[in-house]
Amino acid sequence: MNFKASSSRVLSLLGSIGLLAGAVDPLEGSFVILAGSALLWGGEVMKPPGRRRLRYWTTVFALIAFGVGVTMGLSAAGGLGGTGGRSWWWGLLLLPYPAGWLLGVGGLLAGLLRFLRRRAAARRN
């Protein structure tokens, strides 16, 4: 295995851990989730062209990055409702964050299933 392939695997593994570990506390762990999605995207960039799912992981990273940015921006501006003066409708801007996380976890599960199927097929042959 060459350096680029092993680096891709390491980045993907660290990104997977970050994406899942940050979910323990989604608000405080938002930067861990963001870093995990960035590592997953970086690992995907390093893969050979035939095995890339680059558009998928770029979408996941963009959704999470936008959602985390909006979360921090709204938090810095005083939050939603109450005396902050912002309507609860501003909360709709936060939806890309959980949507990106769910897509990321779905992509991880799909990748795990692909890996297990290939491994089972290799054992049969």
N, C-alpha and C. Protein backbone atom coordinates (compact mmCIF):
# COMPACT_ATOMS: atom_id res chain seq x y z
N MET A 1 0.85 -1.17 0.00
CA MET A 1 0.00 0.00 0.00
C MET A 1 0.91 1.23 0.00
N ASN A 2 0.60 2.17 -0.89
CA ASN A 2 1.43 3.35 -0.97
C ASN A 2 1.03 4.38 0.08
N PHE A 3 1.83 5.45 0.18
CA PHE A 3 1.63 6.46 1.21
C PHE A 3 0.30 7.18 1.06
N LYS A 4 -0.07 7.48 -0.18
CA LYS A 4 -1.31 8.23 -0.41
C LYS A 4 -2.53 7.41 0.01
N ALA A 5 -2.53 6.13 -0.29
CA ALA A 5 -3.66 5.27 0.09
C ALA A 5 -3.75 5.11 1.60
N SER A 6 -2.60 4.91 2.25
CA SER A 6 -2.64 4.76 3.71
C SER A 6 -3.01 6.07 4.38
N SER A 7 -2.58 7.20 3.84
CA SER A 7 -2.97 8.50 4.39
C SER A 7 -4.46 8.72 4.24
N SER A 8 -5.01 8.29 3.12
CA SER A 8 -6.44 8.42 2.89
C SER A 8 -7.22 7.62 3.93
N ARG A 9 -6.76 6.43 4.23
CA ARG A 9 -7.44 5.58 5.22
C ARG A 9 -7.35 6.18 6.62
N VAL A 10 -6.18 6.71 6.96
CA VAL A 10 -6.00 7.32 8.28
C VAL A 10 -6.90 8.54 8.43
N LEU A 11 -6.93 9.41 7.40
CA LEU A 11 -7.80 10.58 7.45
C LEU A 11 -9.26 10.19 7.57
N SER A 12 -9.66 9.19 6.81
CA SER A 12 -11.06 8.75 6.86
C SER A 12 -11.40 8.16 8.22
N LEU A 13 -10.50 7.40 8.80
CA LEU A 13 -10.74 6.82 10.12
C LEU A 13 -10.85 7.91 11.19
N LEU A 14 -9.91 8.85 11.18
CA LEU A 14 -9.96 9.95 12.15
C LEU A 14 -11.21 10.80 11.96
N GLY A 15 -11.57 11.05 10.71
CA GLY A 15 -12.78 11.81 10.43
C GLY A 15 -14.03 11.10 10.90
N SER A 16 -14.08 9.79 10.72
CA SER A 16 -15.24 9.01 11.19
C SER A 16 -15.36 9.09 12.70
N ILE A 17 -14.23 8.97 13.39
CA ILE A 17 -14.25 9.07 14.85
C ILE A 17 -14.73 10.45 15.27
N GLY A 18 -14.23 11.49 14.61
CA GLY A 18 -14.64 12.85 14.96
C GLY A 18 -16.11 13.10 14.70
N LEU A 19 -16.60 12.60 13.58
CA LEU A 19 -18.01 12.80 13.22
C LEU A 19 -18.93 12.12 14.24
N LEU A 20 -18.54 10.96 14.71
CA LEU A 20 -19.36 10.24 15.67
C LEU A 20 -19.16 10.72 17.11
N ALA A 21 -17.93 11.06 17.47
CA ALA A 21 -17.64 11.48 18.84
C ALA A 21 -18.23 12.85 19.14
N GLY A 22 -18.28 13.72 18.17
CA GLY A 22 -18.84 15.04 18.39
C GLY A 22 -20.32 15.02 18.65
N ALA A 23 -20.99 13.95 18.32
CA ALA A 23 -22.43 13.85 18.49
C ALA A 23 -22.82 13.65 19.95
N VAL A 24 -21.85 13.40 20.83
CA VAL A 24 -22.16 13.26 22.25
C VAL A 24 -22.78 14.56 22.76
N ASP A 25 -22.24 15.69 22.34
CA ASP A 25 -22.80 17.00 22.65
C ASP A 25 -22.77 17.81 21.36
N PRO A 26 -23.84 17.82 20.60
CA PRO A 26 -23.82 18.42 19.26
C PRO A 26 -23.46 19.91 19.23
N LEU A 27 -23.76 20.66 20.28
CA LEU A 27 -23.42 22.08 20.25
C LEU A 27 -21.95 22.29 20.60
N GLU A 28 -21.51 21.74 21.71
CA GLU A 28 -20.11 21.89 22.10
C GLU A 28 -19.19 21.08 21.18
N GLY A 29 -19.69 19.99 20.65
CA GLY A 29 -18.89 19.15 19.75
C GLY A 29 -18.99 19.55 18.29
N SER A 30 -19.59 20.69 18.01
CA SER A 30 -19.79 21.08 16.61
C SER A 30 -18.46 21.26 15.88
N PHE A 31 -17.44 21.75 16.59
CA PHE A 31 -16.15 21.90 15.93
C PHE A 31 -15.47 20.55 15.72
N VAL A 32 -15.73 19.60 16.59
CA VAL A 32 -15.21 18.24 16.40
C VAL A 32 -15.89 17.61 15.19
N ILE A 33 -17.20 17.80 15.07
CA ILE A 33 -17.94 17.27 13.93
C ILE A 33 -17.47 17.95 12.64
N LEU A 34 -17.25 19.25 12.70
CA LEU A 34 -16.75 19.99 11.53
C LEU A 34 -15.37 19.48 11.12
N ALA A 35 -14.49 19.30 12.10
CA ALA A 35 -13.15 18.78 11.79
C ALA A 35 -13.23 17.36 11.25
N GLY A 36 -14.13 16.54 11.81
CA GLY A 36 -14.29 15.17 11.32
C GLY A 36 -14.78 15.14 9.89
N SER A 37 -15.72 16.02 9.55
CA SER A 37 -16.20 16.04 8.17
C SER A 37 -15.12 16.56 7.23
N ALA A 38 -14.30 17.49 7.71
CA ALA A 38 -13.19 17.98 6.87
C ALA A 38 -12.16 16.87 6.64
N LEU A 39 -11.88 16.08 7.67
CA LEU A 39 -10.95 14.96 7.51
C LEU A 39 -11.51 13.90 6.56
N LEU A 40 -12.80 13.62 6.68
CA LEU A 40 -13.42 12.66 5.76
C LEU A 40 -13.34 13.17 4.32
N TRP A 41 -13.59 14.45 4.13
CA TRP A 41 -13.50 15.03 2.80
C TRP A 41 -12.06 14.95 2.28
N GLY A 42 -11.09 15.25 3.15
CA GLY A 42 -9.69 15.17 2.75
C GLY A 42 -9.27 13.75 2.39
N GLY A 43 -9.77 12.78 3.16
CA GLY A 43 -9.48 11.38 2.83
C GLY A 43 -10.08 10.98 1.51
N GLU A 44 -11.23 11.53 1.19
CA GLU A 44 -11.89 11.23 -0.09
C GLU A 44 -11.13 11.85 -1.25
N VAL A 45 -10.57 13.03 -1.04
CA VAL A 45 -9.80 13.70 -2.08
C VAL A 45 -8.55 12.89 -2.43
N MET A 46 -7.98 12.23 -1.44
CA MET A 46 -6.73 11.48 -1.66
C MET A 46 -6.95 10.11 -2.29
N LYS A 47 -8.18 9.65 -2.38
CA LYS A 47 -8.44 8.33 -2.97
C LYS A 47 -8.23 8.37 -4.47
N PRO A 48 -8.00 7.20 -5.07
CA PRO A 48 -7.89 7.14 -6.53
C PRO A 48 -9.19 7.58 -7.19
N PRO A 49 -9.13 8.18 -8.37
CA PRO A 49 -10.33 8.73 -9.02
C PRO A 49 -11.48 7.75 -9.19
N GLY A 50 -11.22 6.49 -9.41
CA GLY A 50 -12.30 5.53 -9.63
C GLY A 50 -13.10 5.21 -8.38
N ARG A 51 -12.55 5.50 -7.21
CA ARG A 51 -13.22 5.11 -5.97
C ARG A 51 -13.74 6.31 -5.18
N ARG A 52 -13.75 7.47 -5.78
CA ARG A 52 -14.16 8.68 -5.08
C ARG A 52 -15.66 8.83 -5.01
N ARG A 53 -16.08 9.35 -3.92
CA ARG A 53 -17.45 9.82 -3.75
C ARG A 53 -17.34 11.26 -3.30
N LEU A 54 -16.57 12.01 -4.08
CA LEU A 54 -16.16 13.35 -3.69
C LEU A 54 -17.35 14.31 -3.60
N ARG A 55 -18.28 14.23 -4.52
CA ARG A 55 -19.42 15.15 -4.50
C ARG A 55 -20.25 14.95 -3.23
N TYR A 56 -20.42 13.70 -2.83
CA TYR A 56 -21.19 13.40 -1.63
C TYR A 56 -20.54 14.01 -0.39
N TRP A 57 -19.23 13.76 -0.21
CA TRP A 57 -18.56 14.24 0.98
C TRP A 57 -18.34 15.74 0.94
N THR A 58 -18.27 16.33 -0.24
CA THR A 58 -18.21 17.78 -0.33
C THR A 58 -19.52 18.39 0.13
N THR A 59 -20.63 17.78 -0.25
CA THR A 59 -21.94 18.24 0.20
C THR A 59 -22.08 18.11 1.71
N VAL A 60 -21.64 16.99 2.26
CA VAL A 60 -21.71 16.78 3.71
C VAL A 60 -20.89 17.86 4.43
N PHE A 61 -19.68 18.09 3.97
CA PHE A 61 -18.82 19.09 4.60
C PHE A 61 -19.42 20.49 4.48
N ALA A 62 -19.95 20.83 3.31
CA ALA A 62 -20.53 22.16 3.11
C ALA A 62 -21.75 22.38 4.01
N LEU A 63 -22.61 21.38 4.12
CA LEU A 63 -23.78 21.51 4.98
C LEU A 63 -23.38 21.69 6.45
N ILE A 64 -22.43 20.90 6.89
CA ILE A 64 -22.00 21.00 8.28
C ILE A 64 -21.29 22.33 8.53
N ALA A 65 -20.44 22.74 7.61
CA ALA A 65 -19.74 24.01 7.78
C ALA A 65 -20.70 25.19 7.82
N PHE A 66 -21.70 25.20 6.93
CA PHE A 66 -22.69 26.27 6.93
C PHE A 66 -23.49 26.27 8.23
N GLY A 67 -23.93 25.09 8.64
CA GLY A 67 -24.72 24.98 9.87
C GLY A 67 -23.95 25.39 11.11
N VAL A 68 -22.68 25.00 11.20
CA VAL A 68 -21.86 25.39 12.35
C VAL A 68 -21.62 26.90 12.32
N GLY A 69 -21.38 27.45 11.15
CA GLY A 69 -21.19 28.89 11.03
C GLY A 69 -22.43 29.67 11.47
N VAL A 70 -23.59 29.21 11.05
CA VAL A 70 -24.84 29.87 11.45
C VAL A 70 -25.06 29.71 12.95
N THR A 71 -24.77 28.53 13.48
CA THR A 71 -24.93 28.30 14.91
C THR A 71 -24.07 29.27 15.72
N MET A 72 -22.82 29.41 15.33
CA MET A 72 -21.94 30.31 16.06
C MET A 72 -22.34 31.77 15.85
N GLY A 73 -22.78 32.11 14.64
CA GLY A 73 -23.21 33.48 14.37
C GLY A 73 -24.44 33.87 15.16
N LEU A 74 -25.42 32.99 15.18
CA LEU A 74 -26.64 33.27 15.95
C LEU A 74 -26.36 33.30 17.45
N SER A 75 -25.47 32.44 17.90
CA SER A 75 -25.11 32.42 19.30
C SER A 75 -24.41 33.72 19.69
N ALA A 76 -23.53 34.19 18.84
CA ALA A 76 -22.82 35.44 19.12
C ALA A 76 -23.76 36.65 19.06
N ALA A 77 -24.82 36.54 18.28
CA ALA A 77 -25.77 37.65 18.14
C ALA A 77 -26.86 37.62 19.20
N GLY A 78 -26.80 36.71 20.14
CA GLY A 78 -27.77 36.70 21.22
C GLY A 78 -28.76 35.56 21.19
N GLY A 79 -28.67 34.69 20.22
CA GLY A 79 -29.55 33.53 20.18
C GLY A 79 -30.90 33.80 19.54
N LEU A 80 -31.80 32.88 19.76
CA LEU A 80 -33.14 32.95 19.15
C LEU A 80 -34.18 33.21 20.23
N GLY A 81 -35.26 33.89 19.83
CA GLY A 81 -36.38 34.11 20.73
C GLY A 81 -36.01 34.94 21.94
N GLY A 82 -36.88 34.95 22.88
CA GLY A 82 -36.63 35.66 24.13
C GLY A 82 -36.33 37.13 23.93
N THR A 83 -35.34 37.62 24.66
CA THR A 83 -34.98 39.04 24.56
C THR A 83 -34.01 39.33 23.43
N GLY A 84 -33.57 38.29 22.72
CA GLY A 84 -32.62 38.49 21.62
C GLY A 84 -33.24 39.23 20.44
N GLY A 85 -34.54 39.17 20.32
CA GLY A 85 -35.20 39.89 19.25
C GLY A 85 -35.29 39.14 17.94
N ARG A 86 -34.76 37.93 17.87
CA ARG A 86 -34.83 37.14 16.64
C ARG A 86 -35.94 36.12 16.76
N SER A 87 -36.69 36.02 15.69
CA SER A 87 -37.79 35.07 15.64
C SER A 87 -37.24 33.64 15.64
N TRP A 88 -38.09 32.72 16.09
CA TRP A 88 -37.71 31.31 16.07
C TRP A 88 -37.53 30.80 14.65
N TRP A 89 -38.06 31.51 13.67
CA TRP A 89 -37.91 31.10 12.27
C TRP A 89 -36.47 31.14 11.82
N TRP A 90 -35.64 31.93 12.49
CA TRP A 90 -34.21 31.94 12.17
C TRP A 90 -33.59 30.55 12.41
N GLY A 91 -34.25 29.78 13.22
CA GLY A 91 -33.76 28.42 13.50
C GLY A 91 -33.74 27.52 12.28
N LEU A 92 -34.51 27.88 11.26
CA LEU A 92 -34.48 27.08 10.02
C LEU A 92 -33.10 27.11 9.37
N LEU A 93 -32.34 28.16 9.62
CA LEU A 93 -30.98 28.23 9.07
C LEU A 93 -30.05 27.22 9.72
N LEU A 94 -30.46 26.67 10.84
CA LEU A 94 -29.63 25.68 11.54
C LEU A 94 -29.80 24.27 10.97
N LEU A 95 -30.81 24.05 10.16
CA LEU A 95 -31.12 22.70 9.67
C LEU A 95 -30.03 22.04 8.82
N PRO A 96 -29.21 22.78 8.07
CA PRO A 96 -28.15 22.09 7.33
C PRO A 96 -27.17 21.33 8.22
N TYR A 97 -26.98 21.79 9.44
CA TYR A 97 -26.04 21.11 10.35
C TYR A 97 -26.48 19.68 10.67
N PRO A 98 -27.69 19.46 11.19
CA PRO A 98 -28.09 18.07 11.44
C PRO A 98 -28.29 17.28 10.15
N ALA A 99 -28.72 17.96 9.08
CA ALA A 99 -28.88 17.24 7.81
C ALA A 99 -27.53 16.73 7.30
N GLY A 100 -26.51 17.57 7.39
CA GLY A 100 -25.16 17.15 6.98
C GLY A 100 -24.63 16.04 7.84
N TRP A 101 -24.90 16.13 9.16
CA TRP A 101 -24.44 15.07 10.05
C TRP A 101 -25.13 13.75 9.73
N LEU A 102 -26.43 13.79 9.51
CA LEU A 102 -27.16 12.57 9.17
C LEU A 102 -26.67 11.97 7.85
N LEU A 103 -26.42 12.83 6.86
CA LEU A 103 -25.86 12.34 5.60
C LEU A 103 -24.48 11.72 5.81
N GLY A 104 -23.68 12.35 6.66
CA GLY A 104 -22.35 11.82 6.95
C GLY A 104 -22.40 10.46 7.61
N VAL A 105 -23.25 10.31 8.61
CA VAL A 105 -23.39 9.02 9.30
C VAL A 105 -23.95 7.98 8.34
N GLY A 106 -24.90 8.39 7.50
CA GLY A 106 -25.42 7.47 6.48
C GLY A 106 -24.35 7.02 5.51
N GLY A 107 -23.48 7.95 5.11
CA GLY A 107 -22.37 7.60 4.23
C GLY A 107 -21.38 6.66 4.89
N LEU A 108 -21.14 6.88 6.19
CA LEU A 108 -20.25 5.96 6.92
C LEU A 108 -20.85 4.57 7.00
N LEU A 109 -22.15 4.49 7.28
CA LEU A 109 -22.81 3.18 7.35
C LEU A 109 -22.83 2.49 6.00
N ALA A 110 -23.07 3.24 4.93
CA ALA A 110 -23.05 2.66 3.59
C ALA A 110 -21.65 2.14 3.25
N GLY A 111 -20.63 2.90 3.62
CA GLY A 111 -19.25 2.46 3.39
C GLY A 111 -18.91 1.22 4.19
N LEU A 112 -19.39 1.16 5.42
CA LEU A 112 -19.17 -0.03 6.24
C LEU A 112 -19.85 -1.25 5.64
N LEU A 113 -21.07 -1.09 5.15
CA LEU A 113 -21.77 -2.21 4.52
C LEU A 113 -21.07 -2.67 3.25
N ARG A 114 -20.57 -1.71 2.43
CA ARG A 114 -19.81 -2.08 1.23
C ARG A 114 -18.57 -2.88 1.60
N PHE A 115 -17.87 -2.42 2.64
CA PHE A 115 -16.67 -3.11 3.09
C PHE A 115 -16.99 -4.53 3.55
N LEU A 116 -18.04 -4.68 4.34
CA LEU A 116 -18.39 -6.01 4.85
C LEU A 116 -18.84 -6.94 3.74
N ARG A 117 -19.57 -6.42 2.75
CA ARG A 117 -19.98 -7.25 1.61
C ARG A 117 -18.79 -7.71 0.80
N ARG A 118 -17.84 -6.78 0.54
CA ARG A 118 -16.64 -7.16 -0.22
C ARG A 118 -15.83 -8.20 0.55
N ARG A 119 -15.75 -8.03 1.86
CA ARG A 119 -14.99 -8.97 2.68
C ARG A 119 -15.63 -10.34 2.68
N ALA A 120 -16.98 -10.39 2.77
CA ALA A 120 -17.69 -11.66 2.74
C ALA A 120 -17.54 -12.33 1.37
N ALA A 121 -17.59 -11.55 0.30
CA ALA A 121 -17.43 -12.11 -1.04
C ALA A 121 -16.03 -12.66 -1.23
N ALA A 122 -15.03 -11.98 -0.68
CA ALA A 122 -13.66 -12.45 -0.81
C ALA A 122 -13.44 -13.75 -0.03
N ARG A 123 -14.12 -13.90 1.08
CA ARG A 123 -13.99 -15.14 1.86
C ARG A 123 -14.64 -16.32 1.15
N ARG A 124 -15.73 -16.06 0.41
CA ARG A 124 -16.40 -17.14 -0.33
C ARG A 124 -15.55 -17.66 -1.49
N ASN A 125 -14.75 -16.80 -2.05
CA ASN A 125 -13.94 -17.20 -3.23
C ASN A 125 -12.65 -17.82 -2.85
